[in-house]
Amino acid sequence: MRCIHVSVLAVALVTAMFISAGNRALAQGDAARSVAGGGVSVTGWTGKIDANEERSGSTLASAKLSGTPAALQVTTGPAVAYWNPANKAAGNYTVKATFTEPKYMNVNDHPHPYGIMIAGNDLGTPQQSYLYCAAYGNGYFIVRGFGPQAFQMNGGRGEMNAAVHKAAGVGQPVTQEIAVSVKGDKVDCAINGTVVGSYDKAALVGPGKLKSTDGIYGIRFAHNTEGTVTGLAMTKN
């Protein structure tokens, strides 16, 4: 009986270690750094960091958006959404871009996501609302909205999907092609050509969630992350 108890305890300890490691891999609790020379230097673009980052003392200048509209360079800092107010989409449409993390986990000790933002309304204000689909370099993705409070569409940590590319290791490059589409009563997120999440528009739009699926589109990066964004474009479905 004693041996059985020891075996059960050993299994429990090993299981706890694996759970802890998995949670750490997707943890978002580390403090955001401040990026030297931060701010927005791309003509026509602006952004807003998350409210919790503001409460911690960060500002938009604590992260950095540089480059050109065709090749955006992002270094965070606090978690942030970036957009050009002229980039609007309505009705049925698809917004897509290619995201490259040149050196996976270069400025953090666990994966952080980045991706497409759509349906932006009242952006830059406490009442802002938008939806984003973002990929991690470890095979996970997350779909979440702000309306203005955060709401989750596939859990607080996201979920794994074989379509999401995995970096070969820390410091190695990883690239994701991300597209968010609105068509009829559905909103889909596709990563590397595969639809990884499909959601009823009725579950996204309403009190406490999105004001509409019409709105400004842009990009979203979690904190303490570096990446480039190319080919950001909107097409009508």
C-alpha atoms as a PDB file:
ATOM      1  CA  MET A   1       0.000   0.000   0.000  1.00  0.00           C
ATOM      2  CA  ARG A   2       2.851   2.337   0.838  1.00  0.00           C
ATOM      3  CA  CYS A   3       4.423   1.755  -2.594  1.00  0.00           C
ATOM      4  CA  ILE A   4       1.113   2.608  -4.240  1.00  0.00           C
ATOM      5  CA  HIS A   5       0.913   5.853  -2.280  1.00  0.00           C
ATOM      6  CA  VAL A   6       4.452   6.789  -3.313  1.00  0.00           C
ATOM      7  CA  SER A   7       3.691   5.999  -6.966  1.00  0.00           C
ATOM      8  CA  VAL A   8       0.545   8.117  -6.908  1.00  0.00           C
ATOM      9  CA  LEU A   9       2.478  10.977  -5.338  1.00  0.00           C
ATOM     10  CA  ALA A  10       5.203  10.701  -7.982  1.00  0.00           C
ATOM     11  CA  VAL A  11       2.649  10.770 -10.798  1.00  0.00           C
ATOM     12  CA  ALA A  12       0.961  13.786  -9.225  1.00  0.00           C
ATOM     13  CA  LEU A  13       4.260  15.631  -8.947  1.00  0.00           C
ATOM     14  CA  VAL A  14       5.230  14.912 -12.553  1.00  0.00           C
ATOM     15  CA  THR A  15       1.774  15.980 -13.760  1.00  0.00           C
ATOM     16  CA  ALA A  16       2.025  19.224 -11.798  1.00  0.00           C
ATOM     17  CA  MET A  17       5.417  19.908 -13.346  1.00  0.00           C
ATOM     18  CA  PHE A  18       4.035  19.473 -16.860  1.00  0.00           C
ATOM     19  CA  ILE A  19       1.020  21.667 -16.125  1.00  0.00           C
ATOM     20  CA  SER A  20       3.264  24.342 -14.645  1.00  0.00           C
ATOM     21  CA  ALA A  21       5.544  24.254 -17.683  1.00  0.00           C
ATOM     22  CA  GLY A  22       2.573  24.497 -20.048  1.00  0.00           C
ATOM     23  CA  ASN A  23       1.086  27.418 -18.174  1.00  0.00           C
ATOM     24  CA  ARG A  24       4.442  29.182 -18.129  1.00  0.00           C
ATOM     25  CA  ALA A  25       4.776  28.707 -21.878  1.00  0.00           C
ATOM     26  CA  LEU A  26       1.640  30.754 -22.436  1.00  0.00           C
ATOM     27  CA  ALA A  27       1.870  33.026 -19.405  1.00  0.00           C
ATOM     28  CA  GLN A  28       1.201  36.701 -19.843  1.00  0.00           C
ATOM     29  CA  GLY A  29       2.032  37.869 -16.330  1.00  0.00           C
ATOM     30  CA  ASP A  30       5.541  39.256 -16.831  1.00  0.00           C
ATOM     31  CA  ALA A  31       5.911  43.015 -16.604  1.00  0.00           C
ATOM     32  CA  ALA A  32       6.144  44.998 -19.832  1.00  0.00           C
ATOM     33  CA  ARG A  33       9.507  46.600 -20.477  1.00  0.00           C
ATOM     34  CA  SER A  34       9.947  50.089 -21.926  1.00  0.00           C
ATOM     35  CA  VAL A  35      11.452  50.254 -25.419  1.00  0.00           C
ATOM     36  CA  ALA A  36      14.187  52.797 -26.033  1.00  0.00           C
ATOM     37  CA  GLY A  37      13.298  55.286 -28.764  1.00  0.00           C
ATOM     38  CA  GLY A  38       9.689  54.169 -28.664  1.00  0.00           C
ATOM     39  CA  GLY A  39       6.632  55.785 -30.198  1.00  0.00           C
ATOM     40  CA  VAL A  40       4.969  55.710 -33.621  1.00  0.00           C
ATOM     41  CA  SER A  41       6.997  56.902 -36.605  1.00  0.00           C
ATOM     42  CA  VAL A  42       4.917  55.476 -39.479  1.00  0.00           C
ATOM     43  CA  THR A  43       3.023  58.264 -41.242  1.00  0.00           C
ATOM     44  CA  GLY A  44      -0.729  58.132 -40.641  1.00  0.00           C
ATOM     45  CA  TRP A  45      -0.532  55.450 -37.961  1.00  0.00           C
ATOM     46  CA  THR A  46      -1.320  55.588 -34.268  1.00  0.00           C
ATOM     47  CA  GLY A  47      -2.090  53.139 -31.489  1.00  0.00           C
ATOM     48  CA  LYS A  48      -3.225  52.467 -27.957  1.00  0.00           C
ATOM     49  CA  ILE A  49      -1.746  50.259 -25.274  1.00  0.00           C
ATOM     50  CA  ASP A  50      -3.942  48.105 -23.061  1.00  0.00           C
ATOM     51  CA  ALA A  51      -5.629  49.751 -20.093  1.00  0.00           C
ATOM     52  CA  ASN A  52      -3.812  47.546 -17.578  1.00  0.00           C
ATOM     53  CA  GLU A  53      -0.507  48.627 -19.125  1.00  0.00           C
ATOM     54  CA  GLU A  54      -1.522  52.271 -18.690  1.00  0.00           C
ATOM     55  CA  ARG A  55      -2.355  51.637 -15.056  1.00  0.00           C
ATOM     56  CA  SER A  56       1.156  50.235 -14.630  1.00  0.00           C
ATOM     57  CA  GLY A  57       2.642  53.495 -15.916  1.00  0.00           C
ATOM     58  CA  SER A  58       3.371  52.564 -19.546  1.00  0.00           C
ATOM     59  CA  THR A  59       2.482  54.843 -22.466  1.00  0.00           C
ATOM     60  CA  LEU A  60       2.332  54.482 -26.246  1.00  0.00           C
ATOM     61  CA  ALA A  61       5.946  55.683 -26.279  1.00  0.00           C
ATOM     62  CA  SER A  62       6.895  52.603 -24.263  1.00  0.00           C
ATOM     63  CA  ALA A  63       6.475  50.503 -27.434  1.00  0.00           C
ATOM     64  CA  LYS A  64       7.748  51.177 -30.949  1.00  0.00           C
ATOM     65  CA  LEU A  65       6.171  51.134 -34.414  1.00  0.00           C
ATOM     66  CA  SER A  66       8.564  52.013 -37.231  1.00  0.00           C
ATOM     67  CA  GLY A  67       9.261  51.135 -40.859  1.00  0.00           C
ATOM     68  CA  THR A  68       6.694  51.759 -43.596  1.00  0.00           C
ATOM     69  CA  PRO A  69       3.042  50.775 -44.109  1.00  0.00           C
ATOM     70  CA  ALA A  70       4.293  48.031 -46.439  1.00  0.00           C
ATOM     71  CA  ALA A  71       6.801  46.705 -43.893  1.00  0.00           C
ATOM     72  CA  LEU A  72       5.884  47.586 -40.335  1.00  0.00           C
ATOM     73  CA  GLN A  73       8.448  47.004 -37.586  1.00  0.00           C
ATOM     74  CA  VAL A  74       7.010  46.419 -34.100  1.00  0.00           C
ATOM     75  CA  THR A  75       8.847  46.205 -30.787  1.00  0.00           C
ATOM     76  CA  THR A  76       6.918  46.040 -27.524  1.00  0.00           C
ATOM     77  CA  GLY A  77       6.883  47.124 -24.627  1.00  0.00           C
ATOM     78  CA  PRO A  78       3.308  47.095 -23.430  1.00  0.00           C
ATOM     79  CA  ALA A  79       0.624  45.176 -25.328  1.00  0.00           C
ATOM     80  CA  VAL A  80      -0.678  47.459 -28.065  1.00  0.00           C
ATOM     81  CA  ALA A  81      -2.978  47.770 -31.071  1.00  0.00           C
ATOM     82  CA  TYR A  82      -1.776  49.877 -34.027  1.00  0.00           C
ATOM     83  CA  TRP A  83      -3.871  51.226 -36.873  1.00  0.00           C
ATOM     84  CA  ASN A  84      -4.254  53.867 -39.567  1.00  0.00           C
ATOM     85  CA  PRO A  85      -7.691  55.553 -39.237  1.00  0.00           C
ATOM     86  CA  ALA A  86      -7.993  55.493 -43.046  1.00  0.00           C
ATOM     87  CA  ASN A  87      -7.975  51.686 -43.056  1.00  0.00           C
ATOM     88  CA  LYS A  88     -11.655  50.812 -42.772  1.00  0.00           C
ATOM     89  CA  ALA A  89     -13.657  47.761 -43.711  1.00  0.00           C
ATOM     90  CA  ALA A  90     -17.399  47.132 -43.840  1.00  0.00           C
ATOM     91  CA  GLY A  91     -19.785  44.410 -44.912  1.00  0.00           C
ATOM     92  CA  ASN A  92     -18.107  41.222 -46.085  1.00  0.00           C
ATOM     93  CA  TYR A  93     -14.317  41.494 -46.185  1.00  0.00           C
ATOM     94  CA  THR A  94     -10.982  39.854 -45.397  1.00  0.00           C
ATOM     95  CA  VAL A  95      -7.999  41.512 -43.727  1.00  0.00           C
ATOM     96  CA  LYS A  96      -4.707  39.671 -44.000  1.00  0.00           C
ATOM     97  CA  ALA A  97      -0.982  40.129 -43.406  1.00  0.00           C
ATOM     98  CA  THR A  98       2.213  38.176 -42.902  1.00  0.00           C
ATOM     99  CA  PHE A  99       3.801  38.302 -39.450  1.00  0.00           C
ATOM    100  CA  THR A 100       7.433  37.360 -38.912  1.00  0.00           C
ATOM    101  CA  GLU A 101       9.129  36.933 -35.565  1.00  0.00           C
ATOM    102  CA  PRO A 102      12.790  37.113 -36.686  1.00  0.00           C
ATOM    103  CA  LYS A 103      14.099  35.679 -33.430  1.00  0.00           C
ATOM    104  CA  TYR A 104      11.496  33.679 -31.556  1.00  0.00           C
ATOM    105  CA  MET A 105      11.225  34.750 -27.900  1.00  0.00           C
ATOM    106  CA  ASN A 106      14.044  37.261 -28.430  1.00  0.00           C
ATOM    107  CA  VAL A 107      12.775  39.639 -25.739  1.00  0.00           C
ATOM    108  CA  ASN A 108      10.775  37.298 -23.501  1.00  0.00           C
ATOM    109  CA  ASP A 109      11.091  33.923 -21.818  1.00  0.00           C
ATOM    110  CA  HIS A 110       7.819  32.498 -23.137  1.00  0.00           C
ATOM    111  CA  PRO A 111       5.730  32.847 -26.339  1.00  0.00           C
ATOM    112  CA  HIS A 112       3.653  35.982 -26.935  1.00  0.00           C
ATOM    113  CA  PRO A 113       1.063  36.445 -29.729  1.00  0.00           C
ATOM    114  CA  TYR A 114       0.643  38.906 -32.600  1.00  0.00           C
ATOM    115  CA  GLY A 115      -1.983  39.206 -35.303  1.00  0.00           C
ATOM    116  CA  ILE A 116      -4.805  40.982 -37.140  1.00  0.00           C
ATOM    117  CA  MET A 117      -7.206  43.428 -35.537  1.00  0.00           C
ATOM    118  CA  ILE A 118     -10.591  44.228 -37.105  1.00  0.00           C
ATOM    119  CA  ALA A 119     -13.890  45.950 -36.231  1.00  0.00           C
ATOM    120  CA  GLY A 120     -12.218  48.863 -34.491  1.00  0.00           C
ATOM    121  CA  ASN A 121     -14.630  51.477 -33.163  1.00  0.00           C
ATOM    122  CA  ASP A 122     -13.951  54.408 -30.802  1.00  0.00           C
ATOM    123  CA  LEU A 123     -10.293  53.443 -30.967  1.00  0.00           C
ATOM    124  CA  GLY A 124      -8.002  55.321 -28.632  1.00  0.00           C
ATOM    125  CA  THR A 125     -10.780  55.923 -26.104  1.00  0.00           C
ATOM    126  CA  PRO A 126     -11.856  53.984 -22.996  1.00  0.00           C
ATOM    127  CA  GLN A 127     -14.910  52.820 -25.001  1.00  0.00           C
ATOM    128  CA  GLN A 128     -12.906  51.265 -27.824  1.00  0.00           C
ATOM    129  CA  SER A 129     -13.923  47.897 -29.229  1.00  0.00           C
ATOM    130  CA  TYR A 130     -12.160  45.519 -31.589  1.00  0.00           C
ATOM    131  CA  LEU A 131     -11.518  41.849 -32.303  1.00  0.00           C
ATOM    132  CA  TYR A 132      -8.182  40.187 -32.958  1.00  0.00           C
ATOM    133  CA  CYS A 133      -6.827  36.822 -34.019  1.00  0.00           C
ATOM    134  CA  ALA A 134      -3.195  36.280 -33.103  1.00  0.00           C
ATOM    135  CA  ALA A 135      -0.650  33.467 -33.397  1.00  0.00           C
ATOM    136  CA  TYR A 136       2.094  32.287 -31.075  1.00  0.00           C
ATOM    137  CA  GLY A 137       5.353  30.878 -32.385  1.00  0.00           C
ATOM    138  CA  ASN A 138       4.697  27.611 -30.547  1.00  0.00           C
ATOM    139  CA  GLY A 139       1.639  26.429 -32.500  1.00  0.00           C
ATOM    140  CA  TYR A 140      -1.072  28.178 -30.493  1.00  0.00           C
ATOM    141  CA  PHE A 141      -3.491  30.944 -31.510  1.00  0.00           C
ATOM    142  CA  ILE A 142      -5.895  33.167 -29.618  1.00  0.00           C
ATOM    143  CA  VAL A 143      -9.068  35.046 -30.596  1.00  0.00           C
ATOM    144  CA  ARG A 144     -10.143  37.793 -28.245  1.00  0.00           C
ATOM    145  CA  GLY A 145     -12.109  41.023 -28.271  1.00  0.00           C
ATOM    146  CA  PHE A 146     -12.352  44.257 -26.356  1.00  0.00           C
ATOM    147  CA  GLY A 147     -15.732  45.830 -25.987  1.00  0.00           C
ATOM    148  CA  PRO A 148     -14.314  47.741 -24.015  1.00  0.00           C
ATOM    149  CA  GLN A 149     -13.818  44.894 -21.521  1.00  0.00           C
ATOM    150  CA  ALA A 150     -11.927  41.850 -22.785  1.00  0.00           C
ATOM    151  CA  PHE A 151     -13.927  38.828 -23.930  1.00  0.00           C
ATOM    152  CA  GLN A 152     -12.479  35.467 -24.972  1.00  0.00           C
ATOM    153  CA  MET A 153     -13.523  33.377 -27.949  1.00  0.00           C
ATOM    154  CA  ASN A 154     -11.206  30.393 -27.483  1.00  0.00           C
ATOM    155  CA  GLY A 155     -10.148  30.530 -23.872  1.00  0.00           C
ATOM    156  CA  GLY A 156      -7.757  32.640 -21.876  1.00  0.00           C
ATOM    157  CA  ARG A 157      -4.680  30.829 -23.207  1.00  0.00           C
ATOM    158  CA  GLY A 158      -5.937  30.121 -26.717  1.00  0.00           C
ATOM    159  CA  GLU A 159      -5.602  26.699 -28.301  1.00  0.00           C
ATOM    160  CA  MET A 160      -3.182  24.704 -30.394  1.00  0.00           C
ATOM    161  CA  ASN A 161      -3.712  24.083 -34.104  1.00  0.00           C
ATOM    162  CA  ALA A 162      -1.464  22.203 -36.520  1.00  0.00           C
ATOM    163  CA  ALA A 163      -1.761  25.038 -39.059  1.00  0.00           C
ATOM    164  CA  VAL A 164       0.083  27.465 -36.789  1.00  0.00           C
ATOM    165  CA  HIS A 165       3.808  27.397 -37.472  1.00  0.00           C
ATOM    166  CA  LYS A 166       6.258  26.540 -34.705  1.00  0.00           C
ATOM    167  CA  ALA A 167       9.705  28.084 -34.419  1.00  0.00           C
ATOM    168  CA  ALA A 168      12.559  25.584 -34.592  1.00  0.00           C
ATOM    169  CA  GLY A 169      13.827  26.971 -31.310  1.00  0.00           C
ATOM    170  CA  VAL A 170      14.515  30.097 -29.307  1.00  0.00           C
ATOM    171  CA  GLY A 171      16.156  32.731 -31.493  1.00  0.00           C
ATOM    172  CA  GLN A 172      14.945  31.080 -34.710  1.00  0.00           C
ATOM    173  CA  PRO A 173      12.569  32.779 -37.190  1.00  0.00           C
ATOM    174  CA  VAL A 174       8.900  31.897 -37.476  1.00  0.00           C
ATOM    175  CA  THR A 175       6.328  33.314 -39.904  1.00  0.00           C
ATOM    176  CA  GLN A 176       2.526  33.266 -39.831  1.00  0.00           C
ATOM    177  CA  GLU A 177       0.082  34.354 -42.528  1.00  0.00           C
ATOM    178  CA  ILE A 178      -3.023  35.527 -40.698  1.00  0.00           C
ATOM    179  CA  ALA A 179      -6.387  36.495 -42.192  1.00  0.00           C
ATOM    180  CA  VAL A 180      -9.658  37.478 -40.533  1.00  0.00           C
ATOM    181  CA  SER A 181     -12.789  37.344 -42.672  1.00  0.00           C
ATOM    182  CA  VAL A 182     -16.322  38.615 -42.180  1.00  0.00           C
ATOM    183  CA  LYS A 183     -18.860  36.910 -44.397  1.00  0.00           C
ATOM    184  CA  GLY A 184     -22.578  36.806 -43.754  1.00  0.00           C
ATOM    185  CA  ASP A 185     -23.201  35.810 -40.150  1.00  0.00           C
ATOM    186  CA  LYS A 186     -19.695  34.366 -39.598  1.00  0.00           C
ATOM    187  CA  VAL A 187     -16.265  35.683 -38.658  1.00  0.00           C
ATOM    188  CA  ASP A 188     -13.373  33.364 -39.484  1.00  0.00           C
ATOM    189  CA  CYS A 189      -9.707  33.398 -38.578  1.00  0.00           C
ATOM    190  CA  ALA A 190      -7.344  31.604 -40.963  1.00  0.00           C
ATOM    191  CA  ILE A 191      -3.677  30.997 -40.235  1.00  0.00           C
ATOM    192  CA  ASN A 192      -1.345  29.824 -42.975  1.00  0.00           C
ATOM    193  CA  GLY A 193      -4.301  29.098 -45.228  1.00  0.00           C
ATOM    194  CA  THR A 194      -6.360  27.062 -42.760  1.00  0.00           C
ATOM    195  CA  VAL A 195      -9.446  28.296 -40.918  1.00  0.00           C
ATOM    196  CA  VAL A 196      -8.572  27.721 -37.269  1.00  0.00           C
ATOM    197  CA  GLY A 197     -11.600  29.437 -35.741  1.00  0.00           C
ATOM    198  CA  SER A 198     -15.108  30.289 -36.938  1.00  0.00           C
ATOM    199  CA  TYR A 199     -17.526  32.334 -34.832  1.00  0.00           C
ATOM    200  CA  ASP A 200     -21.117  33.489 -35.131  1.00  0.00           C
ATOM    201  CA  LYS A 201     -21.333  37.228 -35.584  1.00  0.00           C
ATOM    202  CA  ALA A 202     -24.137  37.235 -33.028  1.00  0.00           C
ATOM    203  CA  ALA A 203     -21.664  35.997 -30.392  1.00  0.00           C
ATOM    204  CA  LEU A 204     -19.309  38.892 -31.159  1.00  0.00           C
ATOM    205  CA  VAL A 205     -21.565  41.919 -31.533  1.00  0.00           C
ATOM    206  CA  GLY A 206     -23.679  43.223 -28.680  1.00  0.00           C
ATOM    207  CA  PRO A 207     -23.556  44.862 -25.253  1.00  0.00           C
ATOM    208  CA  GLY A 208     -20.126  44.554 -23.714  1.00  0.00           C
ATOM    209  CA  LYS A 209     -18.653  43.258 -26.966  1.00  0.00           C
ATOM    210  CA  LEU A 210     -18.176  44.684 -30.462  1.00  0.00           C
ATOM    211  CA  LYS A 211     -20.305  47.592 -31.647  1.00  0.00           C
ATOM    212  CA  SER A 212     -20.122  46.180 -35.164  1.00  0.00           C
ATOM    213  CA  THR A 213     -17.901  44.078 -37.391  1.00  0.00           C
ATOM    214  CA  ASP A 214     -17.558  47.220 -39.517  1.00  0.00           C
ATOM    215  CA  GLY A 215     -14.699  49.464 -38.487  1.00  0.00           C
ATOM    216  CA  ILE A 216     -10.981  50.146 -38.607  1.00  0.00           C
ATOM    217  CA  TYR A 217      -8.505  47.335 -39.086  1.00  0.00           C
ATOM    218  CA  GLY A 218      -4.887  47.083 -38.009  1.00  0.00           C
ATOM    219  CA  ILE A 219      -2.517  44.901 -36.009  1.00  0.00           C
ATOM    220  CA  ARG A 220      -2.159  43.733 -32.430  1.00  0.00           C
ATOM    221  CA  PHE A 221       0.999  42.700 -30.534  1.00  0.00           C
ATOM    222  CA  ALA A 222       1.293  41.354 -27.012  1.00  0.00           C
ATOM    223  CA  HIS A 223       3.865  42.812 -24.655  1.00  0.00           C
ATOM    224  CA  ASN A 224       7.619  42.177 -24.851  1.00  0.00           C
ATOM    225  CA  THR A 225       7.586  41.025 -28.481  1.00  0.00           C
ATOM    226  CA  GLU A 226       9.416  41.875 -31.709  1.00  0.00           C
ATOM    227  CA  GLY A 227       8.124  41.299 -35.215  1.00  0.00           C
ATOM    228  CA  THR A 228       7.578  42.575 -38.721  1.00  0.00           C
ATOM    229  CA  VAL A 229       4.292  42.880 -40.614  1.00  0.00           C
ATOM    230  CA  THR A 230       4.120  42.854 -44.400  1.00  0.00           C
ATOM    231  CA  GLY A 231       1.294  42.775 -46.898  1.00  0.00           C
ATOM    232  CA  LEU A 232      -1.395  44.189 -44.651  1.00  0.00           C
ATOM    233  CA  ALA A 233      -4.402  44.541 -46.916  1.00  0.00           C
ATOM    234  CA  MET A 234      -8.187  44.383 -47.040  1.00  0.00           C
ATOM    235  CA  THR A 235     -10.229  42.783 -49.809  1.00  0.00           C
ATOM    236  CA  LYS A 236     -13.990  42.574 -50.234  1.00  0.00           C
ATOM    237  CA  ASN A 237     -15.534  39.113 -50.100  1.00  0.00           C
END
